[in-house]
Amino acid sequence: MKTPAEAAAKLTEASVRGNFDGVRRAVKELSDSLIPALAALPRDEAARRLDDACSLIEWSRRNLCSARARLANEIRRLDCIDRYHQRLAEAGRQWPG
């Protein structure tokens, strides 16, 4: 099992890369590693580390929402280009020569 720090690093890397499945796995690993780690800490330190993990997960969520929006815009742009090329091809077939 990974340490919370290793799992957090994996989550950060997957988020930066826009790896949606990798983020899902990393969040699971982070939560699984936090349970025993937090149990061994004093209450205040455990609360601080849990808050840090929650902040990282929220940052990751926002980052992936932005990535999803960028991908949706790129797909729309490519669809427009595809339709434009289809119209050009149709227009070219209509002209004799």
N, C-alpha and C. Protein backbone atom coordinates (compact mmCIF):
# COMPACT_ATOMS: atom_id res chain seq x y z
N MET A 1 0.84 -1.18 0.00
CA MET A 1 0.00 0.00 0.00
C MET A 1 0.88 1.24 0.00
N LYS A 2 0.44 2.26 -0.71
CA LYS A 2 1.17 3.52 -0.78
C LYS A 2 0.98 4.31 0.51
N THR A 3 1.94 5.19 0.75
CA THR A 3 1.77 6.14 1.86
C THR A 3 0.84 7.25 1.38
N PRO A 4 0.27 8.01 2.31
CA PRO A 4 -0.57 9.14 1.87
C PRO A 4 0.18 10.12 0.97
N ALA A 5 1.46 10.36 1.26
CA ALA A 5 2.25 11.28 0.43
C ALA A 5 2.42 10.73 -0.99
N GLU A 6 2.67 9.44 -1.11
CA GLU A 6 2.81 8.82 -2.44
C GLU A 6 1.49 8.86 -3.20
N ALA A 7 0.41 8.57 -2.50
CA ALA A 7 -0.91 8.60 -3.13
C ALA A 7 -1.26 10.03 -3.55
N ALA A 8 -0.91 11.01 -2.72
CA ALA A 8 -1.18 12.42 -3.06
C ALA A 8 -0.38 12.84 -4.29
N ALA A 9 0.86 12.40 -4.38
CA ALA A 9 1.68 12.72 -5.54
C ALA A 9 1.10 12.08 -6.80
N LYS A 10 0.61 10.87 -6.68
CA LYS A 10 0.00 10.19 -7.82
C LYS A 10 -1.28 10.91 -8.26
N LEU A 11 -2.06 11.38 -7.29
CA LEU A 11 -3.27 12.13 -7.59
C LEU A 11 -2.93 13.44 -8.30
N THR A 12 -1.93 14.13 -7.81
CA THR A 12 -1.51 15.39 -8.43
C THR A 12 -1.08 15.17 -9.87
N GLU A 13 -0.26 14.15 -10.08
CA GLU A 13 0.23 13.86 -11.44
C GLU A 13 -0.92 13.51 -12.38
N ALA A 14 -1.82 12.65 -11.93
CA ALA A 14 -2.95 12.25 -12.78
C ALA A 14 -3.83 13.45 -13.09
N SER A 15 -4.03 14.34 -12.12
CA SER A 15 -4.86 15.52 -12.33
C SER A 15 -4.23 16.45 -13.36
N VAL A 16 -2.95 16.69 -13.22
CA VAL A 16 -2.25 17.59 -14.15
C VAL A 16 -2.30 17.03 -15.57
N ARG A 17 -2.21 15.73 -15.70
CA ARG A 17 -2.24 15.09 -17.02
C ARG A 17 -3.66 14.96 -17.58
N GLY A 18 -4.66 15.24 -16.77
CA GLY A 18 -6.04 15.07 -17.22
C GLY A 18 -6.42 13.61 -17.36
N ASN A 19 -5.79 12.76 -16.57
CA ASN A 19 -6.03 11.32 -16.61
C ASN A 19 -7.20 11.00 -15.67
N PHE A 20 -8.42 10.98 -16.22
CA PHE A 20 -9.63 10.82 -15.42
C PHE A 20 -9.64 9.50 -14.66
N ASP A 21 -9.30 8.41 -15.31
CA ASP A 21 -9.27 7.11 -14.63
C ASP A 21 -8.16 7.05 -13.59
N GLY A 22 -7.01 7.64 -13.92
CA GLY A 22 -5.91 7.68 -12.97
C GLY A 22 -6.27 8.45 -11.71
N VAL A 23 -7.02 9.53 -11.88
CA VAL A 23 -7.47 10.30 -10.72
C VAL A 23 -8.40 9.46 -9.86
N ARG A 24 -9.31 8.75 -10.49
CA ARG A 24 -10.24 7.90 -9.73
C ARG A 24 -9.48 6.88 -8.88
N ARG A 25 -8.49 6.25 -9.50
CA ARG A 25 -7.69 5.26 -8.78
C ARG A 25 -6.87 5.91 -7.66
N ALA A 26 -6.30 7.08 -7.96
CA ALA A 26 -5.45 7.76 -6.98
C ALA A 26 -6.27 8.25 -5.77
N VAL A 27 -7.48 8.70 -5.99
CA VAL A 27 -8.33 9.12 -4.87
C VAL A 27 -8.63 7.93 -3.98
N LYS A 28 -8.90 6.79 -4.59
CA LYS A 28 -9.15 5.57 -3.81
C LYS A 28 -7.92 5.20 -3.00
N GLU A 29 -6.75 5.23 -3.65
CA GLU A 29 -5.50 4.91 -2.94
C GLU A 29 -5.24 5.89 -1.80
N LEU A 30 -5.51 7.16 -2.04
CA LEU A 30 -5.31 8.17 -1.01
C LEU A 30 -6.23 7.91 0.18
N SER A 31 -7.49 7.66 -0.09
CA SER A 31 -8.42 7.41 1.03
C SER A 31 -8.04 6.14 1.77
N ASP A 32 -7.66 5.10 1.03
CA ASP A 32 -7.26 3.84 1.68
C ASP A 32 -6.00 4.01 2.54
N SER A 33 -5.09 4.85 2.09
CA SER A 33 -3.85 5.05 2.85
C SER A 33 -4.05 5.99 4.04
N LEU A 34 -5.03 6.86 3.96
CA LEU A 34 -5.26 7.81 5.05
C LEU A 34 -5.85 7.15 6.30
N ILE A 35 -6.68 6.17 6.11
CA ILE A 35 -7.38 5.57 7.26
C ILE A 35 -6.40 5.08 8.32
N PRO A 36 -5.45 4.21 7.98
CA PRO A 36 -4.52 3.78 9.03
C PRO A 36 -3.55 4.88 9.46
N ALA A 37 -3.15 5.74 8.54
CA ALA A 37 -2.20 6.80 8.88
C ALA A 37 -2.80 7.79 9.87
N LEU A 38 -4.05 8.15 9.67
CA LEU A 38 -4.70 9.12 10.56
C LEU A 38 -4.97 8.53 11.94
N ALA A 39 -5.25 7.25 11.98
CA ALA A 39 -5.53 6.61 13.26
C ALA A 39 -4.33 6.64 14.20
N ALA A 40 -3.14 6.71 13.63
CA ALA A 40 -1.93 6.69 14.44
C ALA A 40 -1.47 8.09 14.88
N LEU A 41 -2.18 9.13 14.45
CA LEU A 41 -1.76 10.50 14.73
C LEU A 41 -2.60 11.13 15.85
N PRO A 42 -2.06 12.14 16.50
CA PRO A 42 -2.87 12.91 17.44
C PRO A 42 -4.03 13.57 16.70
N ARG A 43 -5.09 13.81 17.41
CA ARG A 43 -6.33 14.32 16.81
C ARG A 43 -6.12 15.58 15.96
N ASP A 44 -5.39 16.57 16.46
CA ASP A 44 -5.19 17.82 15.71
C ASP A 44 -4.40 17.58 14.42
N GLU A 45 -3.36 16.77 14.52
CA GLU A 45 -2.56 16.47 13.33
C GLU A 45 -3.36 15.66 12.32
N ALA A 46 -4.15 14.73 12.79
CA ALA A 46 -5.01 13.95 11.88
C ALA A 46 -6.00 14.86 11.17
N ALA A 47 -6.59 15.79 11.91
CA ALA A 47 -7.55 16.72 11.30
C ALA A 47 -6.87 17.58 10.24
N ARG A 48 -5.66 18.04 10.51
CA ARG A 48 -4.93 18.86 9.55
C ARG A 48 -4.62 18.07 8.29
N ARG A 49 -4.17 16.85 8.46
CA ARG A 49 -3.84 16.03 7.28
C ARG A 49 -5.08 15.66 6.48
N LEU A 50 -6.17 15.41 7.16
CA LEU A 50 -7.42 15.12 6.45
C LEU A 50 -7.87 16.35 5.67
N ASP A 51 -7.74 17.52 6.27
CA ASP A 51 -8.09 18.76 5.58
C ASP A 51 -7.21 18.97 4.36
N ASP A 52 -5.92 18.67 4.48
CA ASP A 52 -5.00 18.77 3.33
C ASP A 52 -5.44 17.83 2.21
N ALA A 53 -5.80 16.61 2.57
CA ALA A 53 -6.23 15.63 1.57
C ALA A 53 -7.52 16.09 0.89
N CYS A 54 -8.45 16.63 1.66
CA CYS A 54 -9.71 17.13 1.09
C CYS A 54 -9.44 18.29 0.14
N SER A 55 -8.52 19.17 0.51
CA SER A 55 -8.16 20.29 -0.36
C SER A 55 -7.55 19.80 -1.67
N LEU A 56 -6.70 18.79 -1.58
CA LEU A 56 -6.09 18.23 -2.79
C LEU A 56 -7.16 17.60 -3.69
N ILE A 57 -8.07 16.87 -3.10
CA ILE A 57 -9.14 16.24 -3.89
C ILE A 57 -10.02 17.31 -4.54
N GLU A 58 -10.32 18.38 -3.83
CA GLU A 58 -11.13 19.47 -4.40
C GLU A 58 -10.37 20.16 -5.53
N TRP A 59 -9.07 20.39 -5.35
CA TRP A 59 -8.27 20.98 -6.42
C TRP A 59 -8.30 20.08 -7.66
N SER A 60 -8.16 18.79 -7.42
CA SER A 60 -8.17 17.83 -8.52
C SER A 60 -9.51 17.86 -9.25
N ARG A 61 -10.59 17.93 -8.49
CA ARG A 61 -11.93 17.99 -9.09
C ARG A 61 -12.08 19.22 -9.98
N ARG A 62 -11.65 20.37 -9.47
CA ARG A 62 -11.75 21.60 -10.26
C ARG A 62 -10.87 21.52 -11.51
N ASN A 63 -9.69 20.96 -11.36
CA ASN A 63 -8.78 20.82 -12.49
C ASN A 63 -9.39 19.92 -13.56
N LEU A 64 -10.00 18.82 -13.15
CA LEU A 64 -10.60 17.91 -14.13
C LEU A 64 -11.85 18.51 -14.77
N CYS A 65 -12.60 19.31 -14.03
CA CYS A 65 -13.75 20.00 -14.62
C CYS A 65 -13.28 20.95 -15.72
N SER A 66 -12.19 21.65 -15.48
CA SER A 66 -11.62 22.54 -16.49
C SER A 66 -11.13 21.74 -17.70
N ALA A 67 -10.48 20.63 -17.44
CA ALA A 67 -9.99 19.78 -18.54
C ALA A 67 -11.15 19.25 -19.36
N ARG A 68 -12.22 18.86 -18.71
CA ARG A 68 -13.40 18.35 -19.42
C ARG A 68 -14.00 19.45 -20.30
N ALA A 69 -14.06 20.67 -19.78
CA ALA A 69 -14.59 21.79 -20.56
C ALA A 69 -13.69 22.08 -21.77
N ARG A 70 -12.37 22.04 -21.56
CA ARG A 70 -11.45 22.26 -22.69
C ARG A 70 -11.63 21.18 -23.75
N LEU A 71 -11.77 19.93 -23.32
CA LEU A 71 -11.96 18.84 -24.28
C LEU A 71 -13.28 18.99 -25.04
N ALA A 72 -14.33 19.39 -24.34
CA ALA A 72 -15.62 19.59 -25.01
C ALA A 72 -15.52 20.70 -26.06
N ASN A 73 -14.81 21.79 -25.74
CA ASN A 73 -14.61 22.87 -26.71
C ASN A 73 -13.80 22.39 -27.91
N GLU A 74 -12.79 21.59 -27.67
CA GLU A 74 -11.97 21.07 -28.77
C GLU A 74 -12.79 20.14 -29.66
N ILE A 75 -13.63 19.33 -29.07
CA ILE A 75 -14.49 18.44 -29.86
C ILE A 75 -15.45 19.26 -30.72
N ARG A 76 -16.04 20.31 -30.13
CA ARG A 76 -16.93 21.18 -30.92
C ARG A 76 -16.17 21.84 -32.07
N ARG A 77 -14.96 22.31 -31.80
CA ARG A 77 -14.15 22.94 -32.84
C ARG A 77 -13.85 21.96 -33.97
N LEU A 78 -13.47 20.74 -33.61
CA LEU A 78 -13.17 19.73 -34.62
C LEU A 78 -14.41 19.34 -35.41
N ASP A 79 -15.56 19.28 -34.74
CA ASP A 79 -16.81 18.99 -35.46
C ASP A 79 -17.12 20.09 -36.48
N CYS A 80 -16.89 21.34 -36.12
CA CYS A 80 -17.11 22.45 -37.05
C CYS A 80 -16.17 22.35 -38.25
N ILE A 81 -14.93 22.03 -38.00
CA ILE A 81 -13.96 21.88 -39.09
C ILE A 81 -14.38 20.72 -39.99
N ASP A 82 -14.83 19.63 -39.41
CA ASP A 82 -15.27 18.48 -40.19
C ASP A 82 -16.46 18.84 -41.08
N ARG A 83 -17.45 19.55 -40.51
CA ARG A 83 -18.61 19.96 -41.31
C ARG A 83 -18.19 20.89 -42.44
N TYR A 84 -17.26 21.79 -42.16
CA TYR A 84 -16.76 22.71 -43.18
C TYR A 84 -16.11 21.93 -44.32
N HIS A 85 -15.29 20.96 -44.00
CA HIS A 85 -14.62 20.16 -45.04
C HIS A 85 -15.63 19.32 -45.82
N GLN A 86 -16.66 18.84 -45.16
CA GLN A 86 -17.69 18.09 -45.87
C GLN A 86 -18.41 18.99 -46.88
N ARG A 87 -18.74 20.23 -46.47
CA ARG A 87 -19.39 21.17 -47.39
C ARG A 87 -18.48 21.52 -48.55
N LEU A 88 -17.18 21.70 -48.28
CA LEU A 88 -16.25 21.98 -49.37
C LEU A 88 -16.20 20.82 -50.36
N ALA A 89 -16.18 19.61 -49.84
CA ALA A 89 -16.14 18.43 -50.72
C ALA A 89 -17.42 18.35 -51.55
N GLU A 90 -18.56 18.61 -50.95
CA GLU A 90 -19.84 18.58 -51.68
C GLU A 90 -19.87 19.67 -52.75
N ALA A 91 -19.39 20.86 -52.39
CA ALA A 91 -19.36 21.95 -53.37
C ALA A 91 -18.44 21.63 -54.52
N GLY A 92 -17.31 20.98 -54.24
CA GLY A 92 -16.37 20.61 -55.30
C GLY A 92 -16.95 19.59 -56.25
N ARG A 93 -17.81 18.72 -55.78
CA ARG A 93 -18.44 17.72 -56.66
C ARG A 93 -19.49 18.35 -57.53
N GLN A 94 -20.03 19.49 -57.13
CA GLN A 94 -21.08 20.15 -57.92
C GLN A 94 -20.53 20.93 -59.11
N TRP A 95 -19.27 21.30 -59.09
CA TRP A 95 -18.69 22.08 -60.17
C TRP A 95 -18.16 21.15 -61.26
N PRO A 96 -18.46 21.43 -62.49
CA PRO A 96 -17.92 20.60 -63.56
C PRO A 96 -16.41 20.85 -63.71
N GLY A 97 -15.75 19.84 -64.15
CA GLY A 97 -14.36 20.09 -64.45
C GLY A 97 -13.45 19.15 -63.89
